[in-house]
Amino acid sequence: MDYRKTAQDVLSAIGGKANVRANATCMTRLRVGIIDPAKVDISAIKKIDGVLGVVESDTIQIVFGPGTVNKVGAAFSQLTGLALGSEEAEESAQNLAQQNKAINKEKHNGPVQQFLKRIANIFIPLLPGIIAAGLINGICNVINVSSGGALSGLWWYECIRTMGWALFLYLPLLVGMNAAKEFKGSPVLGALAGAMSIANTSMPLLTKFHDADVLLPLTGKVFNPGAGGLLAALFAGIFFAYLERWIRKWMPNILDTFFTPLLTVIFGSLIALIVLQPLGALFTSGIYWLLNFFYTSLGVVGGYILSAGFLPLVAVGLHQALTPIHVMLNNPDGPTQGVNYLLPILMMAGGGQVGAGFALFLKTKNKKLKRLTRDSLPVGILGIGEPMMYAVTLPLGKPFVTACLGAGLGGILTSLFHIGTISQGVSGLFGLLIVVPGQQLFYAISMVAAYAGGFLLTYFFGVDENRINEVYGENEK
């Protein structure tokens, strides 16, 4: 491949150097900040040699695959005169790299997807801390049990444990802060909203006065900050943002600085306590009931449905609704005590895609498809399924379906083995790093089963050479 020519073709298709605000590369994509989107020819970009796919988001994201993207990116940077990773493109790349990246080639961006994306935006900046704290809690629990608490009381060990404890204790505050920020309110007021969900015995609502508890209206019971959980903090942060903006509309400018935040906090806290906390508790109980139904009541059938149905959700952007659920499941104070039994089942979906990729590589006679699958398989095995899904299986149709159905085999075994994760953020073989210690072998067996299911179903039912030639053209010479 002539990388400079490819870069030049991309530059021409996006409207030339004058239309580029910034450029950056991640593991698989060249991300270009655009000044005028109307000048971008998406169809032309897709026809350029080496392009595996195009995603339209805050930036134009052109998928080249690992290795290739670095060479094309370097040539593109020379043509634009902008350093790779400059300005807004790098920031966007860092944020987007943490998300479940799911946009179909047909743009799915309806009201539901937009709302769920905003919800995901609240939790995604928190993932580095959640990942670190989850690993700390899981590893320390294993150390304490296996060693009989031999390290307990050592200053450095308890310092590390404090980090895992602190994140999940104060997570509602961070969720409320990000929720208010995402919905254009003051982050610090959102943090106050989230603080209502933090259990602290010194909270005035939990303090006894004259040996009597503070009882809430309607229920006549003592306030339980943890009942609403993260969802109550989420609801309260969003509500505070809307309430603040509404008050500011009619508040005189001379009084705005003082009375808008004051009234927001006073009235917002009362409504959060009486309405939003019970609503959060209701939604939290409903989510756990539904997950328990799929995992316990349906058993292996539930495991199959969840793993087989996950990537269709990704394809239309609905998977973002799962982001706060994963955070809830990794909370040590939750019903699962910090072990996420849902994530390993969903991770099997990527295994089905890998199996389908192997089947297509071995059976197809189309040289371009062979090259695409060859480039997509290594990163797919490591948990980066985007190139395989968007450049290979989804455009072809049948392989996407057979890959999803085959992945269900891994979901069945994951349910049977009761595999859980103590953190999140990785998939594929890297998932071995976050599964509950001692379950690595079972996880590997389940993933191989997902490979096998995707391979067999695709090899025998998913390869249509006519469709392949229609999508990728005749054999390259």
Foldseek 3Di string as FASTA:
>chain_A
DPLLVLLVQQQVQQQHLVQFDAWADDQFWIWTQGDDNVSHHQVSNCPRPQFLHWDDDNTIITGRFGPSRVSSRVSNCVRNVHDHLDDPRVVVCVQCLQDLQAAANPGQDDPLLVVLVLLLQLCSVVAVLQQLLLLLVLVVVVCCVVVVNPVPPPPVNVVSNVSSVVCLQQVLLSSQLSLLVSLQAHSNLRSLQSVLLHDDCPPPLNDDDPNHHNADPPVRHRQHSNLLPNQLSNVLSNQLNVQLVVVLVPDDPVCNVPVSSVVSNVVSNVCSRPPSSVVSNVVVVVVVVVVCCLQPVVQLNSLLCLQLVQVVCSNNNNNSNCSVVLSQCLRCPHPNNRWALNVLSNLLLLLLLLLLLVLCLVPAPAPVSVVQSVSQNVVSQFAPNVSSCRRPDVQLPLLSNQSSNQSSQLSSLSSVLSKTFSGDRTGHLCSLVTINPPCSVSSVVSSVSSSVSSNVSCNVPNDDRVSVCVVVNHHDD
